Amino acid sequence: VLDQLRHSLSGRVFLLTILFVFIAELFLWIPSIARFHQDRLLLRLSAAQIAVLALDQIPSDDLRPELKRELLANAEVRAVALKRNQTRQLFLAEPLPEAEAATFETRDVNIFVALDQALSTLWNGQNRLMRILGEPRFEGGEFIEAVADEAPLRAEMIQYTERIAWLSVIIALITAVPIFILLRYFLVRPMRRLTSSMMAFQQNPEDASRIIAPSLGRSEMAEAERSLAAMQGDIRRSLQQRAHLAELGLAVAKIQHDLRNILTTAQLTSDRLATSEDPKVRQLAPRLMLSID
């Protein structure tokens, strides 16, 4: 099927349409994945800040380990630090594994930095920790920092990319299938009709029934059919004229041959008459020979 699509005009347009839709979706995916990555980082910072604010007035000695683990799990972070009034305080923390850490900034990030951070998570975020830096919401402090696993964020980005890919497939099919059908109806079918007419006319140009009957209308294909019909008619008339001339030449050649035979016989007879002893015959013989010549 793919080979047939590749060798037909409508099929090539179908494949190119799908390709261009995927290219367009790729250019849309690049900024969207960067925005998605930044949004997820900000969500983690927001969840971490909420957990910190809930425990702001609770002494650390009164914080039960179970509650601490639950707060960290709900915020999807491993540690949270907040800076307020020129003081940096670590509110929630658990023992961190020895792993590579990547730092992600969420303050005044342009599209290029956001894209670099997103691609870094996609390519290298399987077993890393990420250190997220940002500003607390609602003026809750000067600086907030959270440490979290990068693998869950990478999994969310992959799922987001898969959704974009399936959406691209649907958009490509919705776009390409109607174009494929319309091209086959309005372009490929008339072109095949032109081709079939030319091939049939080539086999027997003198057959008037093989001349294409042009369609009505002012479209380009109708103009092409009318031009083809006119050309086929001219060729047919030219061939008929040549055939008539050939028949006429053959007839003239036959007449010339017959006349030569008759005149040769008459010339031989006049030569014999010129040697006759009859005075009247000898007198008429030169005039007869002159007439034959």
Protein backbone atom coordinates (compact mmCIF):
# COMPACT_ATOMS: atom_id res chain seq x y z
CA VAL A 1 0.00 0.00 0.00
CA LEU A 2 2.81 2.40 0.88
CA ASP A 3 4.51 1.65 -2.43
CA GLN A 4 1.28 2.40 -4.32
CA LEU A 5 0.85 5.67 -2.43
CA ARG A 6 4.43 6.64 -3.22
CA HIS A 7 3.96 6.15 -6.97
CA SER A 8 0.67 8.03 -7.36
CA LEU A 9 0.14 11.77 -7.32
CA SER A 10 -2.67 11.71 -4.77
CA GLY A 11 -0.70 9.26 -2.62
CA ARG A 12 2.37 11.49 -2.60
CA VAL A 13 0.25 14.48 -1.64
CA PHE A 14 -1.33 12.34 1.11
CA LEU A 15 2.07 11.37 2.53
CA LEU A 16 3.44 14.91 2.22
CA THR A 17 0.40 16.32 4.01
CA ILE A 18 0.95 13.93 6.91
CA LEU A 19 4.65 14.82 6.97
CA PHE A 20 3.98 18.57 7.02
CA VAL A 21 1.38 18.18 9.77
CA PHE A 22 3.93 16.31 11.89
CA ILE A 23 6.55 18.98 11.21
CA ALA A 24 4.07 21.69 12.24
CA GLU A 25 3.18 19.75 15.38
CA LEU A 26 6.88 19.37 16.16
CA PHE A 27 7.36 23.13 16.03
CA LEU A 28 4.34 23.49 18.34
CA TRP A 29 5.59 20.76 20.67
CA ILE A 30 8.94 22.48 21.30
CA PRO A 31 7.55 25.53 23.17
CA SER A 32 4.68 23.55 24.68
CA ILE A 33 6.98 20.94 26.29
CA ALA A 34 9.09 23.76 27.71
CA ARG A 35 5.97 25.40 29.15
CA PHE A 36 4.76 22.06 30.49
CA HIS A 37 8.10 21.50 32.25
CA GLN A 38 8.03 24.96 33.84
CA ASP A 39 4.42 24.52 34.97
CA ARG A 40 5.23 21.22 36.66
CA LEU A 41 8.22 22.78 38.44
CA LEU A 42 6.04 25.64 39.67
CA LEU A 43 3.38 23.18 40.83
CA ARG A 44 5.95 21.32 42.89
CA LEU A 45 7.16 24.57 44.43
CA SER A 46 3.58 25.57 45.21
CA ALA A 47 2.86 22.21 46.84
CA ALA A 48 6.10 22.46 48.81
CA GLN A 49 5.22 25.99 49.98
CA ILE A 50 1.78 24.85 51.13
CA ALA A 51 3.39 22.07 53.16
CA VAL A 52 5.85 24.56 54.67
CA LEU A 53 3.15 27.07 55.57
CA ALA A 54 1.14 24.34 57.28
CA LEU A 55 4.10 23.51 59.51
CA ASP A 56 5.37 27.02 59.99
CA GLN A 57 4.10 27.22 63.53
CA ILE A 58 4.82 23.63 64.51
CA PRO A 59 8.13 22.97 66.27
CA SER A 60 10.26 20.50 64.41
CA ASP A 61 10.51 18.28 67.50
CA ASP A 62 6.73 17.90 67.54
CA LEU A 63 6.58 16.83 63.89
CA ARG A 64 5.93 13.10 63.68
CA PRO A 65 7.99 11.19 61.05
CA GLU A 66 4.82 9.75 59.54
CA LEU A 67 3.33 13.19 59.02
CA LYS A 68 6.60 14.44 57.60
CA ARG A 69 6.75 11.63 55.07
CA GLU A 70 3.11 12.20 54.14
CA LEU A 71 3.66 15.90 53.57
CA LEU A 72 6.72 15.22 51.44
CA ALA A 73 4.87 12.56 49.43
CA ASN A 74 1.88 14.82 48.78
CA ALA A 75 4.16 17.63 47.64
CA GLU A 76 6.24 15.15 45.55
CA VAL A 77 9.46 16.53 47.03
CA ARG A 78 12.21 15.23 49.30
CA ALA A 79 13.27 18.46 50.94
CA VAL A 80 12.00 22.05 51.20
CA ALA A 81 13.87 25.16 52.25
CA LEU A 82 12.37 28.65 52.59
CA LYS A 83 14.14 31.95 53.01
CA ARG A 84 12.27 34.67 54.85
CA ASN A 85 13.51 37.75 56.64
CA GLN A 86 17.06 37.06 55.46
CA THR A 87 16.93 33.64 57.13
CA ARG A 88 17.04 30.35 55.29
CA GLN A 89 15.27 27.53 57.07
CA LEU A 90 14.99 23.87 56.15
CA PHE A 91 11.42 22.87 57.01
CA LEU A 92 11.08 19.39 55.57
CA ALA A 93 13.85 17.01 54.69
CA GLU A 94 14.52 13.33 54.46
CA PRO A 95 17.74 11.46 53.78
CA LEU A 96 18.65 12.02 50.13
CA PRO A 97 20.16 9.26 47.99
CA GLU A 98 23.54 9.73 46.40
CA ALA A 99 22.56 10.71 42.89
CA GLU A 100 23.35 13.34 40.31
CA ALA A 101 21.45 16.56 40.87
CA ALA A 102 20.28 19.10 38.30
CA THR A 103 19.33 22.66 39.17
CA PHE A 104 16.24 24.21 37.57
CA GLU A 105 15.50 27.92 37.86
CA THR A 106 11.92 29.18 37.61
CA ARG A 107 12.58 32.92 38.08
CA ASP A 108 12.68 35.08 34.95
CA VAL A 109 13.22 32.09 32.63
CA ASN A 110 13.04 32.74 28.88
CA ILE A 111 11.89 30.21 26.31
CA PHE A 112 15.40 29.04 25.44
CA VAL A 113 16.37 28.32 29.05
CA ALA A 114 13.02 26.61 29.64
CA LEU A 115 13.50 24.45 26.55
CA ASP A 116 17.03 23.51 27.61
CA GLN A 117 15.76 22.47 31.04
CA ALA A 118 12.90 20.45 29.54
CA LEU A 119 15.16 18.59 27.11
CA SER A 120 17.64 17.94 29.91
CA THR A 121 14.88 16.24 31.89
CA LEU A 122 13.81 14.16 28.88
CA TRP A 123 17.32 12.97 27.99
CA ASN A 124 18.91 12.60 31.44
CA GLY A 125 16.13 12.56 33.99
CA GLN A 126 15.89 8.86 34.71
CA ASN A 127 17.86 8.71 37.97
CA ARG A 128 18.59 12.32 38.89
CA LEU A 129 17.47 14.58 41.65
CA MET A 130 16.31 18.05 40.69
CA ARG A 131 16.86 21.17 42.74
CA ILE A 132 14.05 23.60 41.98
CA LEU A 133 14.59 27.28 42.75
CA GLY A 134 11.91 29.94 42.72
CA GLU A 135 10.00 32.69 44.45
CA PRO A 136 7.27 31.81 46.96
CA ARG A 137 3.73 32.66 45.99
CA PHE A 138 1.70 35.41 47.64
CA GLU A 139 4.91 37.03 48.94
CA GLY A 140 5.42 34.13 51.34
CA GLY A 141 9.16 34.69 51.43
CA GLU A 142 12.18 35.72 49.45
CA PHE A 143 13.29 32.37 48.14
CA ILE A 144 12.09 28.78 48.10
CA GLU A 145 14.01 25.66 47.18
CA ALA A 146 12.75 22.12 46.77
CA VAL A 147 14.52 18.86 46.02
CA ALA A 148 12.58 16.15 44.20
CA ASP A 149 13.04 13.08 42.04
CA GLU A 150 13.22 13.89 38.34
CA ALA A 151 11.95 10.53 37.05
CA PRO A 152 8.21 11.22 37.78
CA LEU A 153 8.42 14.55 35.97
CA ARG A 154 10.12 12.86 33.02
CA ALA A 155 7.34 10.23 32.92
CA GLU A 156 4.71 13.01 32.85
CA MET A 157 6.54 14.71 29.98
CA ILE A 158 6.69 11.45 28.01
CA GLN A 159 2.95 10.92 28.51
CA TYR A 160 2.32 14.50 27.40
CA THR A 161 4.46 13.93 24.29
CA GLU A 162 2.56 10.73 23.49
CA ARG A 163 -0.75 12.61 23.71
CA ILE A 164 0.62 15.26 21.37
CA ALA A 165 1.80 12.53 18.98
CA TRP A 166 -1.61 10.83 18.87
CA LEU A 167 -3.28 14.19 18.41
CA SER A 168 -0.91 14.86 15.51
CA VAL A 169 -1.86 11.54 13.91
CA ILE A 170 -5.56 12.37 14.19
CA ILE A 171 -5.06 15.88 12.77
CA ALA A 172 -2.91 14.51 9.95
CA LEU A 173 -5.52 11.93 8.97
CA ILE A 174 -8.37 14.44 9.20
CA THR A 175 -6.38 16.76 6.94
CA ALA A 176 -4.83 14.28 4.51
CA VAL A 177 -7.75 11.91 3.84
CA PRO A 178 -10.12 14.57 2.38
CA ILE A 179 -7.26 15.98 0.30
CA PHE A 180 -6.49 12.46 -0.97
CA ILE A 181 -10.14 11.84 -1.92
CA LEU A 182 -10.59 15.22 -3.59
CA LEU A 183 -7.37 14.87 -5.59
CA ARG A 184 -8.36 11.43 -6.84
CA TYR A 185 -11.79 12.73 -7.88
CA PHE A 186 -10.87 16.09 -9.39
CA LEU A 187 -7.34 15.45 -10.68
CA VAL A 188 -6.24 11.82 -10.84
CA ARG A 189 -9.42 10.47 -12.45
CA PRO A 190 -9.47 13.09 -15.26
CA MET A 191 -5.75 12.55 -15.84
CA ARG A 192 -6.29 8.80 -16.14
CA ARG A 193 -9.09 9.51 -18.63
CA LEU A 194 -6.69 11.65 -20.69
CA THR A 195 -3.99 8.98 -20.53
CA SER A 196 -6.39 6.19 -21.55
CA SER A 197 -7.65 8.25 -24.48
CA MET A 198 -4.11 8.97 -25.71
CA MET A 199 -3.14 5.29 -25.47
CA ALA A 200 -6.28 4.13 -27.28
CA PHE A 201 -5.82 6.77 -30.00
CA GLN A 202 -2.19 5.74 -30.44
CA GLN A 203 -3.22 2.18 -31.25
CA ASN A 204 -5.58 3.24 -34.05
CA PRO A 205 -5.38 6.97 -34.90
CA GLU A 206 -7.79 6.64 -37.84
CA ASP A 207 -10.67 5.42 -35.65
CA ALA A 208 -12.93 8.39 -34.96
CA SER A 209 -14.48 6.67 -31.93
CA ARG A 210 -11.11 6.82 -30.12
CA ILE A 211 -11.14 10.63 -30.04
CA ILE A 212 -11.86 11.80 -26.49
CA ALA A 213 -15.21 13.48 -25.82
CA PRO A 214 -14.23 16.63 -23.89
CA SER A 215 -16.01 17.51 -20.68
CA LEU A 216 -18.05 20.65 -20.26
CA GLY A 217 -16.88 23.44 -18.02
CA ARG A 218 -14.01 25.88 -17.71
CA SER A 219 -11.67 23.90 -15.51
CA GLU A 220 -8.07 23.20 -16.46
CA MET A 221 -8.82 19.52 -17.08
CA ALA A 222 -11.75 20.40 -19.37
CA GLU A 223 -9.45 22.73 -21.34
CA ALA A 224 -6.88 19.93 -21.57
CA GLU A 225 -9.52 17.50 -22.86
CA ARG A 226 -10.69 19.97 -25.50
CA SER A 227 -7.12 20.57 -26.62
CA LEU A 228 -6.49 16.82 -26.78
CA ALA A 229 -9.67 16.27 -28.80
CA ALA A 230 -8.65 19.02 -31.25
CA MET A 231 -5.16 17.57 -31.59
CA GLN A 232 -6.50 14.05 -32.16
CA GLY A 233 -8.89 15.37 -34.81
CA ASP A 234 -6.06 17.20 -36.61
CA ILE A 235 -3.88 14.09 -36.54
CA ARG A 236 -6.72 11.93 -37.85
CA ARG A 237 -7.44 14.35 -40.72
CA SER A 238 -3.74 14.57 -41.54
CA LEU A 239 -3.45 10.79 -41.66
CA GLN A 240 -6.54 10.55 -43.86
CA GLN A 241 -5.11 13.17 -46.23
CA ARG A 242 -1.84 11.30 -46.43
CA ALA A 243 -3.71 8.07 -47.12
CA HIS A 244 -5.68 9.76 -49.93
CA LEU A 245 -2.47 11.15 -51.43
CA ALA A 246 -0.86 7.72 -51.25
CA GLU A 247 -3.84 6.15 -53.00
CA LEU A 248 -3.77 8.88 -55.65
CA GLY A 249 -0.06 8.35 -56.21
CA LEU A 250 -0.60 4.62 -56.60
CA ALA A 251 -3.40 5.21 -59.10
CA VAL A 252 -1.24 7.63 -61.12
CA ALA A 253 1.60 5.12 -61.15
CA LYS A 254 -0.75 2.42 -62.49
CA ILE A 255 -2.09 4.76 -65.16
CA GLN A 256 1.45 5.75 -66.15
CA HIS A 257 2.45 2.10 -66.42
CA ASP A 258 -0.56 1.27 -68.59
CA LEU A 259 0.04 4.29 -70.83
CA ARG A 260 3.67 3.34 -71.30
CA ASN A 261 2.63 -0.15 -72.40
CA ILE A 262 0.07 1.21 -74.86
CA LEU A 263 2.38 3.86 -76.29
CA THR A 264 5.26 1.43 -76.58
CA THR A 265 3.08 -0.89 -78.64
CA ALA A 266 1.91 2.01 -80.81
CA GLN A 267 5.49 3.19 -81.32
CA LEU A 268 6.61 -0.25 -82.44
CA THR A 269 3.68 -0.43 -84.84
CA SER A 270 4.45 3.01 -86.30
CA ASP A 271 8.06 2.02 -86.82
CA ARG A 272 6.89 -0.94 -88.85
CA LEU A 273 4.55 1.29 -90.82
CA ALA A 274 7.39 3.64 -91.69
CA THR A 275 9.04 0.85 -93.69
CA SER A 276 5.86 0.06 -95.65
CA GLU A 277 6.00 0.33 -99.48
CA ASP A 278 2.53 1.89 -99.66
CA PRO A 279 3.00 5.61 -100.48
CA LYS A 280 -0.02 6.70 -98.45
CA VAL A 281 1.10 4.70 -95.41
CA ARG A 282 4.64 6.07 -95.67
CA GLN A 283 3.18 9.56 -95.95
CA LEU A 284 1.08 9.17 -92.75
CA ALA A 285 3.69 7.29 -90.71
CA PRO A 286 5.83 10.37 -89.75
CA ARG A 287 2.74 12.24 -88.51
CA LEU A 288 1.71 9.16 -86.47
CA MET A 289 5.19 8.86 -84.96
CA LEU A 290 5.22 12.58 -84.12
CA SER A 291 1.84 12.25 -82.37
CA ILE A 292 3.05 9.21 -80.40
CA ASP A 293 6.19 11.08 -79.31
